[in-house]
Every structure is written in C-alpha cells, then in structure tokens.
Amino acid sequence: MVKLMSDTFDLEWKELESTLETRFGKLPDLQSIIYLIGINEVGFVHDRKFTKEQKQDLMHVATCILLSQEDYYVFDKNDDEGWPHFKLIKELPEFDLVQQEEWLKHLIVRYFANN
C-alpha cells in the first residue's frame, strides 16, 4: 500500500478539521467536506434546497475540482442551468478505499490552502 500521509500532512489535516469544526459547530466528515466544496464551486446556491440527485451532483463537481488539481479532469463548460461539467483527461490511479480517502484528504488540504 502506498503511504500518502506524513506527520506534517496529518497535522495540516487536523488543522483543517479544527477550522471547519469551529466554523460549522461540529466536525464534518469527508463526504460533508466534499459537499461543501461543491457548494462553493457552483456559486448559485444561496438559500436553495437541493434534491438528493443535486447533492450527488455537487459532490461530483467537488471531486472533479479536487482531481483537476492533479490534471485528471479539466473544466469543459457550464450547462444551461449553470452546472459545471468536466472532462476526464487521464486515467485515474488504482487505489484501494483507504488510499482513495488519503488522496482525497491531500487534495482537500491543497484546495483549502489555495482558496
């Protein structure tokens, strides 16, 4: 198994969790953090209720944004409703579930550092 986490990174992740917990009053799980990134990225969500499908779409947008940091996806266009669409431009690495989670955490820390 590839080890993606380091002691330094572990500290960065804990600091991000602490910041989010302070901001939202509770510690969000990984899925919730991805959802928050999706909301941040679509930009048209003020006082809007989302369907289950739209929530999944927000998480997909966030995942594409995160993976675009490493050139796996590139923005394609916004559809008629303003939803962003992305194109896969290179094959994703094969990770087990633990490695996928670690990789996503790395990408999330980078996302918040840059935004």
PDB file of N, CA and C in Angstrom:
ATOM      1  N   MET A   1       0.836  -1.182   0.000  1.00  0.00           N
ATOM      2  CA  MET A   1       0.000   0.000   0.000  1.00  0.00           C
ATOM      3  C   MET A   1       0.879   1.243   0.000  1.00  0.00           C
ATOM      4  N   VAL A   2       0.525   2.205  -0.830  1.00  0.00           N
ATOM      5  CA  VAL A   2       1.239   3.466  -0.907  1.00  0.00           C
ATOM      6  C   VAL A   2       0.871   4.323   0.298  1.00  0.00           C
ATOM      7  N   LYS A   3       1.860   4.857   0.971  1.00  0.00           N
ATOM      8  CA  LYS A   3       1.618   5.720   2.128  1.00  0.00           C
ATOM      9  C   LYS A   3       1.625   7.171   1.652  1.00  0.00           C
ATOM     10  N   LEU A   4       0.438   7.793   1.667  1.00  0.00           N
ATOM     11  CA  LEU A   4       0.314   9.173   1.209  1.00  0.00           C
ATOM     12  C   LEU A   4       0.400  10.180   2.345  1.00  0.00           C
ATOM     13  N   MET A   5       0.095   9.748   3.556  1.00  0.00           N
ATOM     14  CA  MET A   5       0.054  10.662   4.696  1.00  0.00           C
ATOM     15  C   MET A   5       1.439  10.721   5.345  1.00  0.00           C
ATOM     16  N   SER A   6       1.823  11.915   5.755  1.00  0.00           N
ATOM     17  CA  SER A   6       3.041  12.106   6.517  1.00  0.00           C
ATOM     18  C   SER A   6       2.653  12.782   7.820  1.00  0.00           C
ATOM     19  N   ASP A   7       3.593  12.882   8.749  1.00  0.00           N
ATOM     20  CA  ASP A   7       3.308  13.561  10.013  1.00  0.00           C
ATOM     21  C   ASP A   7       2.931  15.010   9.762  1.00  0.00           C
ATOM     22  N   THR A   8       3.626  15.664   8.840  1.00  0.00           N
ATOM     23  CA  THR A   8       3.323  17.055   8.506  1.00  0.00           C
ATOM     24  C   THR A   8       1.927  17.169   7.913  1.00  0.00           C
ATOM     25  N   PHE A   9       1.621  16.284   6.986  1.00  0.00           N
ATOM     26  CA  PHE A   9       0.300  16.322   6.380  1.00  0.00           C
ATOM     27  C   PHE A   9      -0.785  16.023   7.407  1.00  0.00           C
ATOM     28  N   ASP A  10      -0.545  15.067   8.276  1.00  0.00           N
ATOM     29  CA  ASP A  10      -1.518  14.728   9.299  1.00  0.00           C
ATOM     30  C   ASP A  10      -1.845  15.962  10.143  1.00  0.00           C
ATOM     31  N   LEU A  11      -0.851  16.751  10.462  1.00  0.00           N
ATOM     32  CA  LEU A  11      -1.063  17.989  11.216  1.00  0.00           C
ATOM     33  C   LEU A  11      -1.894  18.983  10.397  1.00  0.00           C
ATOM     34  N   GLU A  12      -1.588  19.116   9.099  1.00  0.00           N
ATOM     35  CA  GLU A  12      -2.362  20.018   8.229  1.00  0.00           C
ATOM     36  C   GLU A  12      -3.827  19.597   8.169  1.00  0.00           C
ATOM     37  N   TRP A  13      -4.079  18.297   8.080  1.00  0.00           N
ATOM     38  CA  TRP A  13      -5.445  17.778   8.028  1.00  0.00           C
ATOM     39  C   TRP A  13      -6.178  18.081   9.337  1.00  0.00           C
ATOM     40  N   LYS A  14      -5.511  17.850  10.452  1.00  0.00           N
ATOM     41  CA  LYS A  14      -6.123  18.121  11.767  1.00  0.00           C
ATOM     42  C   LYS A  14      -6.437  19.608  11.918  1.00  0.00           C
ATOM     43  N   GLU A  15      -5.556  20.484  11.421  1.00  0.00           N
ATOM     44  CA  GLU A  15      -5.804  21.924  11.488  1.00  0.00           C
ATOM     45  C   GLU A  15      -7.016  22.302  10.636  1.00  0.00           C
ATOM     46  N   LEU A  16      -7.135  21.713   9.463  1.00  0.00           N
ATOM     47  CA  LEU A  16      -8.294  21.973   8.606  1.00  0.00           C
ATOM     48  C   LEU A  16      -9.575  21.493   9.291  1.00  0.00           C
ATOM     49  N   GLU A  17      -9.540  20.291   9.852  1.00  0.00           N
ATOM     50  CA  GLU A  17     -10.708  19.785  10.574  1.00  0.00           C
ATOM     51  C   GLU A  17     -11.110  20.731  11.705  1.00  0.00           C
ATOM     52  N   SER A  18     -10.136  21.216  12.431  1.00  0.00           N
ATOM     53  CA  SER A  18     -10.397  22.131  13.543  1.00  0.00           C
ATOM     54  C   SER A  18     -11.040  23.428  13.047  1.00  0.00           C
ATOM     55  N   THR A  19     -10.523  23.958  11.945  1.00  0.00           N
ATOM     56  CA  THR A  19     -11.082  25.177  11.357  1.00  0.00           C
ATOM     57  C   THR A  19     -12.530  24.958  10.934  1.00  0.00           C
ATOM     58  N   LEU A  20     -12.794  23.837  10.282  1.00  0.00           N
ATOM     59  CA  LEU A  20     -14.156  23.541   9.829  1.00  0.00           C
ATOM     60  C   LEU A  20     -15.093  23.294  11.009  1.00  0.00           C
ATOM     61  N   GLU A  21     -14.591  22.628  12.040  1.00  0.00           N
ATOM     62  CA  GLU A  21     -15.410  22.386  13.220  1.00  0.00           C
ATOM     63  C   GLU A  21     -15.781  23.709  13.895  1.00  0.00           C
ATOM     64  N   THR A  22     -14.827  24.622  13.983  1.00  0.00           N
ATOM     65  CA  THR A  22     -15.107  25.940  14.564  1.00  0.00           C
ATOM     66  C   THR A  22     -16.119  26.691  13.714  1.00  0.00           C
ATOM     67  N   ARG A  23     -15.958  26.622  12.420  1.00  0.00           N
ATOM     68  CA  ARG A  23     -16.842  27.357  11.500  1.00  0.00           C
ATOM     69  C   ARG A  23     -18.269  26.826  11.509  1.00  0.00           C
ATOM     70  N   PHE A  24     -18.433  25.509  11.567  1.00  0.00           N
ATOM     71  CA  PHE A  24     -19.757  24.908  11.422  1.00  0.00           C
ATOM     72  C   PHE A  24     -20.341  24.360  12.724  1.00  0.00           C
ATOM     73  N   GLY A  25     -19.585  24.419  13.811  1.00  0.00           N
ATOM     74  CA  GLY A  25     -20.113  23.981  15.099  1.00  0.00           C
ATOM     75  C   GLY A  25     -20.045  22.487  15.332  1.00  0.00           C
ATOM     76  N   LYS A  26     -19.592  21.751  14.348  1.00  0.00           N
ATOM     77  CA  LYS A  26     -19.361  20.309  14.507  1.00  0.00           C
ATOM     78  C   LYS A  26     -18.366  19.874  13.445  1.00  0.00           C
ATOM     79  N   LEU A  27     -17.742  18.754  13.686  1.00  0.00           N
ATOM     80  CA  LEU A  27     -16.723  18.252  12.771  1.00  0.00           C
ATOM     81  C   LEU A  27     -17.388  17.567  11.583  1.00  0.00           C
ATOM     82  N   PRO A  28     -17.233  18.129  10.366  1.00  0.00           N
ATOM     83  CA  PRO A  28     -17.820  17.465   9.201  1.00  0.00           C
ATOM     84  C   PRO A  28     -16.988  16.247   8.785  1.00  0.00           C
ATOM     85  N   ASP A  29     -17.673  15.222   8.297  1.00  0.00           N
ATOM     86  CA  ASP A  29     -16.950  14.061   7.791  1.00  0.00           C
ATOM     87  C   ASP A  29     -16.450  14.361   6.375  1.00  0.00           C
ATOM     88  N   LEU A  30     -15.720  13.429   5.811  1.00  0.00           N
ATOM     89  CA  LEU A  30     -15.107  13.629   4.494  1.00  0.00           C
ATOM     90  C   LEU A  30     -16.161  13.931   3.424  1.00  0.00           C
ATOM     91  N   GLN A  31     -17.272  13.197   3.453  1.00  0.00           N
ATOM     92  CA  GLN A  31     -18.350  13.424   2.480  1.00  0.00           C
ATOM     93  C   GLN A  31     -18.910  14.842   2.600  1.00  0.00           C
ATOM     94  N   SER A  32     -19.082  15.302   3.819  1.00  0.00           N
ATOM     95  CA  SER A  32     -19.613  16.656   4.043  1.00  0.00           C
ATOM     96  C   SER A  32     -18.645  17.719   3.553  1.00  0.00           C
ATOM     97  N   ILE A  33     -17.355  17.487   3.741  1.00  0.00           N
ATOM     98  CA  ILE A  33     -16.356  18.445   3.259  1.00  0.00           C
ATOM     99  C   ILE A  33     -16.397  18.515   1.738  1.00  0.00           C
ATOM    100  N   ILE A  34     -16.519  17.373   1.093  1.00  0.00           N
ATOM    101  CA  ILE A  34     -16.609  17.347  -0.370  1.00  0.00           C
ATOM    102  C   ILE A  34     -17.871  18.079  -0.823  1.00  0.00           C
ATOM    103  N   TYR A  35     -18.969  17.863  -0.141  1.00  0.00           N
ATOM    104  CA  TYR A  35     -20.224  18.561  -0.438  1.00  0.00           C
ATOM    105  C   TYR A  35     -20.045  20.074  -0.309  1.00  0.00           C
ATOM    106  N   LEU A  36     -19.379  20.523   0.758  1.00  0.00           N
ATOM    107  CA  LEU A  36     -19.127  21.953   0.942  1.00  0.00           C
ATOM    108  C   LEU A  36     -18.299  22.542  -0.195  1.00  0.00           C
ATOM    109  N   ILE A  37     -17.324  21.790  -0.670  1.00  0.00           N
ATOM    110  CA  ILE A  37     -16.517  22.254  -1.806  1.00  0.00           C
ATOM    111  C   ILE A  37     -17.401  22.385  -3.032  1.00  0.00           C
ATOM    112  N   GLY A  38     -18.296  21.433  -3.249  1.00  0.00           N
ATOM    113  CA  GLY A  38     -19.220  21.512  -4.384  1.00  0.00           C
ATOM    114  C   GLY A  38     -20.084  22.749  -4.314  1.00  0.00           C
ATOM    115  N   ILE A  39     -20.619  23.035  -3.131  1.00  0.00           N
ATOM    116  CA  ILE A  39     -21.438  24.235  -2.950  1.00  0.00           C
ATOM    117  C   ILE A  39     -20.616  25.484  -3.260  1.00  0.00           C
ATOM    118  N   ASN A  40     -19.392  25.509  -2.769  1.00  0.00           N
ATOM    119  CA  ASN A  40     -18.508  26.648  -3.017  1.00  0.00           C
ATOM    120  C   ASN A  40     -18.245  26.832  -4.513  1.00  0.00           C
ATOM    121  N   GLU A  41     -18.101  25.752  -5.224  1.00  0.00           N
ATOM    122  CA  GLU A  41     -17.725  25.822  -6.638  1.00  0.00           C
ATOM    123  C   GLU A  41     -18.872  26.184  -7.570  1.00  0.00           C
ATOM    124  N   VAL A  42     -20.088  25.751  -7.274  1.00  0.00           N
ATOM    125  CA  VAL A  42     -21.176  26.057  -8.218  1.00  0.00           C
ATOM    126  C   VAL A  42     -21.608  27.517  -8.125  1.00  0.00           C
ATOM    127  N   GLY A  43     -21.525  28.076  -6.924  1.00  0.00           N
ATOM    128  CA  GLY A  43     -21.731  29.505  -6.767  1.00  0.00           C
ATOM    129  C   GLY A  43     -23.151  30.035  -6.898  1.00  0.00           C
ATOM    130  N   PHE A  44     -24.155  29.197  -7.054  1.00  0.00           N
ATOM    131  CA  PHE A  44     -25.531  29.690  -7.189  1.00  0.00           C
ATOM    132  C   PHE A  44     -26.469  29.036  -6.181  1.00  0.00           C
ATOM    133  N   VAL A  45     -26.000  28.826  -4.983  1.00  0.00           N
ATOM    134  CA  VAL A  45     -26.729  28.016  -4.029  1.00  0.00           C
ATOM    135  C   VAL A  45     -27.376  28.784  -2.888  1.00  0.00           C
ATOM    136  N   HIS A  46     -27.371  30.086  -2.912  1.00  0.00           N
ATOM    137  CA  HIS A  46     -27.896  30.877  -1.801  1.00  0.00           C
ATOM    138  C   HIS A  46     -29.350  30.515  -1.498  1.00  0.00           C
ATOM    139  N   ASP A  47     -29.585  30.070  -0.264  1.00  0.00           N
ATOM    140  CA  ASP A  47     -30.930  29.723   0.227  1.00  0.00           C
ATOM    141  C   ASP A  47     -31.647  28.719  -0.677  1.00  0.00           C
ATOM    142  N   ARG A  48     -30.929  27.823  -1.266  1.00  0.00           N
ATOM    143  CA  ARG A  48     -31.516  26.856  -2.181  1.00  0.00           C
ATOM    144  C   ARG A  48     -31.536  25.476  -1.541  1.00  0.00           C
ATOM    145  N   LYS A  49     -32.627  24.769  -1.711  1.00  0.00           N
ATOM    146  CA  LYS A  49     -32.735  23.389  -1.254  1.00  0.00           C
ATOM    147  C   LYS A  49     -32.393  22.483  -2.439  1.00  0.00           C
ATOM    148  N   PHE A  50     -31.562  21.484  -2.188  1.00  0.00           N
ATOM    149  CA  PHE A  50     -31.144  20.579  -3.249  1.00  0.00           C
ATOM    150  C   PHE A  50     -31.829  19.231  -3.118  1.00  0.00           C
ATOM    151  N   THR A  51     -32.129  18.635  -4.257  1.00  0.00           N
ATOM    152  CA  THR A  51     -32.632  17.265  -4.280  1.00  0.00           C
ATOM    153  C   THR A  51     -31.461  16.326  -3.991  1.00  0.00           C
ATOM    154  N   LYS A  52     -31.764  15.081  -3.725  1.00  0.00           N
ATOM    155  CA  LYS A  52     -30.718  14.093  -3.493  1.00  0.00           C
ATOM    156  C   LYS A  52     -29.790  14.013  -4.710  1.00  0.00           C
ATOM    157  N   GLU A  53     -30.365  14.041  -5.899  1.00  0.00           N
ATOM    158  CA  GLU A  53     -29.557  13.975  -7.126  1.00  0.00           C
ATOM    159  C   GLU A  53     -28.649  15.202  -7.247  1.00  0.00           C
ATOM    160  N   GLN A  54     -29.170  16.376  -6.921  1.00  0.00           N
ATOM    161  CA  GLN A  54     -28.356  17.592  -6.996  1.00  0.00           C
ATOM    162  C   GLN A  54     -27.229  17.560  -5.960  1.00  0.00           C
ATOM    163  N   LYS A  55     -27.490  16.986  -4.796  1.00  0.00           N
ATOM    164  CA  LYS A  55     -26.432  16.848  -3.795  1.00  0.00           C
ATOM    165  C   LYS A  55     -25.328  15.942  -4.318  1.00  0.00           C
ATOM    166  N   GLN A  56     -25.715  14.864  -4.994  1.00  0.00           N
ATOM    167  CA  GLN A  56     -24.724  13.980  -5.607  1.00  0.00           C
ATOM    168  C   GLN A  56     -23.952  14.725  -6.695  1.00  0.00           C
ATOM    169  N   ASP A  57     -24.661  15.558  -7.466  1.00  0.00           N
ATOM    170  CA  ASP A  57     -24.004  16.360  -8.497  1.00  0.00           C
ATOM    171  C   ASP A  57     -22.992  17.329  -7.890  1.00  0.00           C
ATOM    172  N   LEU A  58     -23.352  17.941  -6.750  1.00  0.00           N
ATOM    173  CA  LEU A  58     -22.423  18.850  -6.061  1.00  0.00           C
ATOM    174  C   LEU A  58     -21.159  18.105  -5.636  1.00  0.00           C
ATOM    175  N   MET A  59     -21.327  16.892  -5.154  1.00  0.00           N
ATOM    176  CA  MET A  59     -20.173  16.101  -4.736  1.00  0.00           C
ATOM    177  C   MET A  59     -19.331  15.688  -5.947  1.00  0.00           C
ATOM    178  N   HIS A  60     -19.992  15.430  -7.069  1.00  0.00           N
ATOM    179  CA  HIS A  60     -19.256  15.108  -8.290  1.00  0.00           C
ATOM    180  C   HIS A  60     -18.446  16.320  -8.763  1.00  0.00           C
ATOM    181  N   VAL A  61     -19.063  17.501  -8.745  1.00  0.00           N
ATOM    182  CA  VAL A  61     -18.359  18.729  -9.122  1.00  0.00           C
ATOM    183  C   VAL A  61     -17.128  18.895  -8.235  1.00  0.00           C
ATOM    184  N   ALA A  62     -17.307  18.727  -6.931  1.00  0.00           N
ATOM    185  CA  ALA A  62     -16.195  18.878  -5.993  1.00  0.00           C
ATOM    186  C   ALA A  62     -15.080  17.881  -6.289  1.00  0.00           C
ATOM    187  N   THR A  63     -15.456  16.647  -6.545  1.00  0.00           N
ATOM    188  CA  THR A  63     -14.459  15.622  -6.842  1.00  0.00           C
ATOM    189  C   THR A  63     -13.686  15.975  -8.109  1.00  0.00           C
ATOM    190  N   CYS A  64     -14.382  16.448  -9.126  1.00  0.00           N
ATOM    191  CA  CYS A  64     -13.707  16.863 -10.360  1.00  0.00           C
ATOM    192  C   CYS A  64     -12.759  18.034 -10.104  1.00  0.00           C
ATOM    193  N   ILE A  65     -13.207  18.995  -9.299  1.00  0.00           N
ATOM    194  CA  ILE A  65     -12.363  20.137  -8.950  1.00  0.00           C
ATOM    195  C   ILE A  65     -11.106  19.656  -8.223  1.00  0.00           C
ATOM    196  N   LEU A  66     -11.303  18.774  -7.245  1.00  0.00           N
ATOM    197  CA  LEU A  66     -10.157  18.262  -6.495  1.00  0.00           C
ATOM    198  C   LEU A  66      -9.179  17.529  -7.409  1.00  0.00           C
ATOM    199  N   LEU A  67      -9.706  16.671  -8.275  1.00  0.00           N
ATOM    200  CA  LEU A  67      -8.839  15.891  -9.162  1.00  0.00           C
ATOM    201  C   LEU A  67      -8.242  16.737 -10.277  1.00  0.00           C
ATOM    202  N   SER A  68      -8.858  17.871 -10.579  1.00  0.00           N
ATOM    203  CA  SER A  68      -8.284  18.762 -11.592  1.00  0.00           C
ATOM    204  C   SER A  68      -6.986  19.393 -11.095  1.00  0.00           C
ATOM    205  N   GLN A  69      -6.788  19.424  -9.778  1.00  0.00           N
ATOM    206  CA  GLN A  69      -5.535  19.929  -9.222  1.00  0.00           C
ATOM    207  C   GLN A  69      -4.337  19.089  -9.659  1.00  0.00           C
ATOM    208  N   GLU A  70      -4.600  17.852 -10.020  1.00  0.00           N
ATOM    209  CA  GLU A  70      -3.539  16.963 -10.481  1.00  0.00           C
ATOM    210  C   GLU A  70      -3.756  16.562 -11.945  1.00  0.00           C
ATOM    211  N   ASP A  71      -4.498  17.388 -12.648  1.00  0.00           N
ATOM    212  CA  ASP A  71      -4.694  17.245 -14.101  1.00  0.00           C
ATOM    213  C   ASP A  71      -5.364  15.946 -14.532  1.00  0.00           C
ATOM    214  N   TYR A  72      -6.287  15.453 -13.712  1.00  0.00           N
ATOM    215  CA  TYR A  72      -7.091  14.302 -14.125  1.00  0.00           C
ATOM    216  C   TYR A  72      -8.361  14.757 -14.832  1.00  0.00           C
ATOM    217  N   TYR A  73      -8.877  15.902 -14.438  1.00  0.00           N
ATOM    218  CA  TYR A  73     -10.056  16.488 -15.076  1.00  0.00           C
ATOM    219  C   TYR A  73      -9.735  17.906 -15.498  1.00  0.00           C
ATOM    220  N   VAL A  74     -10.480  18.366 -16.500  1.00  0.00           N
ATOM    221  CA  VAL A  74     -10.399  19.753 -16.927  1.00  0.00           C
ATOM    222  C   VAL A  74     -11.828  20.259 -17.110  1.00  0.00           C
ATOM    223  N   PHE A  75     -12.030  21.514 -16.749  1.00  0.00           N
ATOM    224  CA  PHE A  75     -13.344  22.127 -16.927  1.00  0.00           C
ATOM    225  C   PHE A  75     -13.704  22.114 -18.401  1.00  0.00           C
ATOM    226  N   ASP A  76     -14.941  21.743 -18.712  1.00  0.00           N
ATOM    227  CA  ASP A  76     -15.426  21.707 -20.091  1.00  0.00           C
ATOM    228  C   ASP A  76     -16.338  22.896 -20.360  1.00  0.00           C
ATOM    229  N   LYS A  77     -17.451  22.970 -19.629  1.00  0.00           N
ATOM    230  CA  LYS A  77     -18.417  24.049 -19.856  1.00  0.00           C
ATOM    231  C   LYS A  77     -19.454  24.049 -18.747  1.00  0.00           C
ATOM    232  N   ASN A  78     -20.224  25.120 -18.671  1.00  0.00           N
ATOM    233  CA  ASN A  78     -21.407  25.165 -17.825  1.00  0.00           C
ATOM    234  C   ASN A  78     -22.609  24.832 -18.687  1.00  0.00           C
ATOM    235  N   ASP A  79     -23.541  24.042 -18.148  1.00  0.00           N
ATOM    236  CA  ASP A  79     -24.747  23.727 -18.902  1.00  0.00           C
ATOM    237  C   ASP A  79     -25.737  24.891 -18.812  1.00  0.00           C
ATOM    238  N   ASP A  80     -26.916  24.716 -19.380  1.00  0.00           N
ATOM    239  CA  ASP A  80     -27.922  25.786 -19.422  1.00  0.00           C
ATOM    240  C   ASP A  80     -28.395  26.220 -18.042  1.00  0.00           C
ATOM    241  N   GLU A  81     -28.258  25.344 -17.045  1.00  0.00           N
ATOM    242  CA  GLU A  81     -28.665  25.677 -15.680  1.00  0.00           C
ATOM    243  C   GLU A  81     -27.508  26.214 -14.844  1.00  0.00           C
ATOM    244  N   GLY A  82     -26.319  26.322 -15.449  1.00  0.00           N
ATOM    245  CA  GLY A  82     -25.165  26.853 -14.744  1.00  0.00           C
ATOM    246  C   GLY A  82     -24.280  25.820 -14.057  1.00  0.00           C
ATOM    247  N   TRP A  83     -24.612  24.535 -14.205  1.00  0.00           N
ATOM    248  CA  TRP A  83     -23.808  23.483 -13.591  1.00  0.00           C
ATOM    249  C   TRP A  83     -22.531  23.263 -14.396  1.00  0.00           C
ATOM    250  N   PRO A  84     -21.382  23.223 -13.736  1.00  0.00           N
ATOM    251  CA  PRO A  84     -20.124  22.965 -14.448  1.00  0.00           C
ATOM    252  C   PRO A  84     -19.999  21.497 -14.840  1.00  0.00           C
ATOM    253  N   HIS A  85     -19.373  21.291 -15.978  1.00  0.00           N
ATOM    254  CA  HIS A  85     -19.088  19.938 -16.471  1.00  0.00           C
ATOM    255  C   HIS A  85     -17.602  19.835 -16.753  1.00  0.00           C
ATOM    256  N   PHE A  86     -17.071  18.633 -16.569  1.00  0.00           N
ATOM    257  CA  PHE A  86     -15.639  18.396 -16.685  1.00  0.00           C
ATOM    258  C   PHE A  86     -15.378  17.224 -17.610  1.00  0.00           C
ATOM    259  N   LYS A  87     -14.168  17.191 -18.167  1.00  0.00           N
ATOM    260  CA  LYS A  87     -13.735  16.063 -18.983  1.00  0.00           C
ATOM    261  C   LYS A  87     -12.576  15.368 -18.284  1.00  0.00           C
ATOM    262  N   LEU A  88     -12.642  14.048 -18.258  1.00  0.00           N
ATOM    263  CA  LEU A  88     -11.531  13.246 -17.758  1.00  0.00           C
ATOM    264  C   LEU A  88     -10.445  13.275 -18.827  1.00  0.00           C
ATOM    265  N   ILE A  89      -9.223  13.644 -18.444  1.00  0.00           N
ATOM    266  CA  ILE A  89      -8.165  13.756 -19.449  1.00  0.00           C
ATOM    267  C   ILE A  89      -7.036  12.748 -19.268  1.00  0.00           C
ATOM    268  N   LYS A  90      -7.008  12.085 -18.114  1.00  0.00           N
ATOM    269  CA  LYS A  90      -6.074  10.970 -17.955  1.00  0.00           C
ATOM    270  C   LYS A  90      -6.662   9.981 -16.960  1.00  0.00           C
ATOM    271  N   GLU A  91      -6.237   8.758 -17.100  1.00  0.00           N
ATOM    272  CA  GLU A  91      -6.786   7.675 -16.287  1.00  0.00           C
ATOM    273  C   GLU A  91      -6.428   7.858 -14.810  1.00  0.00           C
ATOM    274  N   LEU A  92      -7.400   7.601 -13.960  1.00  0.00           N
ATOM    275  CA  LEU A  92      -7.193   7.717 -12.517  1.00  0.00           C
ATOM    276  C   LEU A  92      -6.362   6.542 -12.004  1.00  0.00           C
ATOM    277  N   PRO A  93      -5.545   6.775 -10.986  1.00  0.00           N
ATOM    278  CA  PRO A  93      -4.767   5.667 -10.412  1.00  0.00           C
ATOM    279  C   PRO A  93      -5.685   4.679  -9.697  1.00  0.00           C
ATOM    280  N   GLU A  94      -5.225   3.464  -9.592  1.00  0.00           N
ATOM    281  CA  GLU A  94      -5.993   2.441  -8.894  1.00  0.00           C
ATOM    282  C   GLU A  94      -5.540   2.398  -7.445  1.00  0.00           C
ATOM    283  N   PHE A  95      -6.414   2.884  -6.569  1.00  0.00           N
ATOM    284  CA  PHE A  95      -6.160   2.873  -5.138  1.00  0.00           C
ATOM    285  C   PHE A  95      -7.247   2.053  -4.452  1.00  0.00           C
ATOM    286  N   ASP A  96      -6.897   1.471  -3.314  1.00  0.00           N
ATOM    287  CA  ASP A  96      -7.938   0.854  -2.502  1.00  0.00           C
ATOM    288  C   ASP A  96      -8.684   1.980  -1.777  1.00  0.00           C
ATOM    289  N   LEU A  97      -9.727   1.647  -1.026  1.00  0.00           N
ATOM    290  CA  LEU A  97     -10.559   2.665  -0.387  1.00  0.00           C
ATOM    291  C   LEU A  97      -9.786   3.543   0.597  1.00  0.00           C
ATOM    292  N   VAL A  98      -8.888   2.956   1.353  1.00  0.00           N
ATOM    293  CA  VAL A  98      -8.090   3.725   2.314  1.00  0.00           C
ATOM    294  C   VAL A  98      -7.188   4.706   1.571  1.00  0.00           C
ATOM    295  N   GLN A  99      -6.540   4.241   0.514  1.00  0.00           N
ATOM    296  CA  GLN A  99      -5.675   5.116  -0.272  1.00  0.00           C
ATOM    297  C   GLN A  99      -6.470   6.230  -0.950  1.00  0.00           C
ATOM    298  N   GLN A 100      -7.671   5.903  -1.452  1.00  0.00           N
ATOM    299  CA  GLN A 100      -8.518   6.931  -2.062  1.00  0.00           C
ATOM    300  C   GLN A 100      -8.842   8.029  -1.057  1.00  0.00           C
ATOM    301  N   GLU A 101      -9.191   7.627   0.165  1.00  0.00           N
ATOM    302  CA  GLU A 101      -9.533   8.597   1.195  1.00  0.00           C
ATOM    303  C   GLU A 101      -8.328   9.473   1.538  1.00  0.00           C
ATOM    304  N   GLU A 102      -7.166   8.870   1.675  1.00  0.00           N
ATOM    305  CA  GLU A 102      -5.957   9.635   1.972  1.00  0.00           C
ATOM    306  C   GLU A 102      -5.647  10.626   0.847  1.00  0.00           C
ATOM    307  N   TRP A 103      -5.786  10.165  -0.384  1.00  0.00           N
ATOM    308  CA  TRP A 103      -5.524  11.021  -1.540  1.00  0.00           C
ATOM    309  C   TRP A 103      -6.498  12.201  -1.558  1.00  0.00           C
ATOM    310  N   LEU A 104      -7.775  11.924  -1.343  1.00  0.00           N
ATOM    311  CA  LEU A 104      -8.768  12.994  -1.296  1.00  0.00           C
ATOM    312  C   LEU A 104      -8.461  13.996  -0.190  1.00  0.00           C
ATOM    313  N   LYS A 105      -8.032  13.511   0.959  1.00  0.00           N
ATOM    314  CA  LYS A 105      -7.678  14.427   2.051  1.00  0.00           C
ATOM    315  C   LYS A 105      -6.532  15.343   1.633  1.00  0.00           C
ATOM    316  N   HIS A 106      -5.545  14.782   0.962  1.00  0.00           N
ATOM    317  CA  HIS A 106      -4.433  15.589   0.446  1.00  0.00           C
ATOM    318  C   HIS A 106      -4.959  16.684  -0.487  1.00  0.00           C
ATOM    319  N   LEU A 107      -5.815  16.289  -1.407  1.00  0.00           N
ATOM    320  CA  LEU A 107      -6.360  17.236  -2.379  1.00  0.00           C
ATOM    321  C   LEU A 107      -7.233  18.289  -1.703  1.00  0.00           C
ATOM    322  N   ILE A 108      -7.964  17.901  -0.663  1.00  0.00           N
ATOM    323  CA  ILE A 108      -8.810  18.838   0.073  1.00  0.00           C
ATOM    324  C   ILE A 108      -7.952  19.873   0.800  1.00  0.00           C
ATOM    325  N   VAL A 109      -6.882  19.432   1.441  1.00  0.00           N
ATOM    326  CA  VAL A 109      -5.991  20.374   2.120  1.00  0.00           C
ATOM    327  C   VAL A 109      -5.422  21.365   1.112  1.00  0.00           C
ATOM    328  N   ARG A 110      -5.001  20.881  -0.045  1.00  0.00           N
ATOM    329  CA  ARG A 110      -4.473  21.770  -1.085  1.00  0.00           C
ATOM    330  C   ARG A 110      -5.550  22.737  -1.566  1.00  0.00           C
ATOM    331  N   TYR A 111      -6.769  22.246  -1.751  1.00  0.00           N
ATOM    332  CA  TYR A 111      -7.875  23.092  -2.193  1.00  0.00           C
ATOM    333  C   TYR A 111      -8.085  24.253  -1.223  1.00  0.00           C
ATOM    334  N   PHE A 112      -8.176  23.938   0.069  1.00  0.00           N
ATOM    335  CA  PHE A 112      -8.425  24.988   1.052  1.00  0.00           C
ATOM    336  C   PHE A 112      -7.232  25.930   1.191  1.00  0.00           C
ATOM    337  N   ALA A 113      -6.034  25.442   0.987  1.00  0.00           N
ATOM    338  CA  ALA A 113      -4.853  26.305   1.045  1.00  0.00           C
ATOM    339  C   ALA A 113      -4.858  27.313  -0.107  1.00  0.00           C
ATOM    340  N   ASN A 114      -5.417  26.893  -1.251  1.00  0.00           N
ATOM    341  CA  ASN A 114      -5.421  27.757  -2.450  1.00  0.00           C
ATOM    342  C   ASN A 114      -6.676  28.590  -2.608  1.00  0.00           C
ATOM    343  N   ASN A 115      -7.685  28.334  -1.796  1.00  0.00           N
ATOM    344  CA  ASN A 115      -8.945  29.065  -1.938  1.00  0.00           C
ATOM    345  C   ASN A 115      -9.248  29.811  -0.672  1.00  0.00           C
TER     346      ASN A 115
END
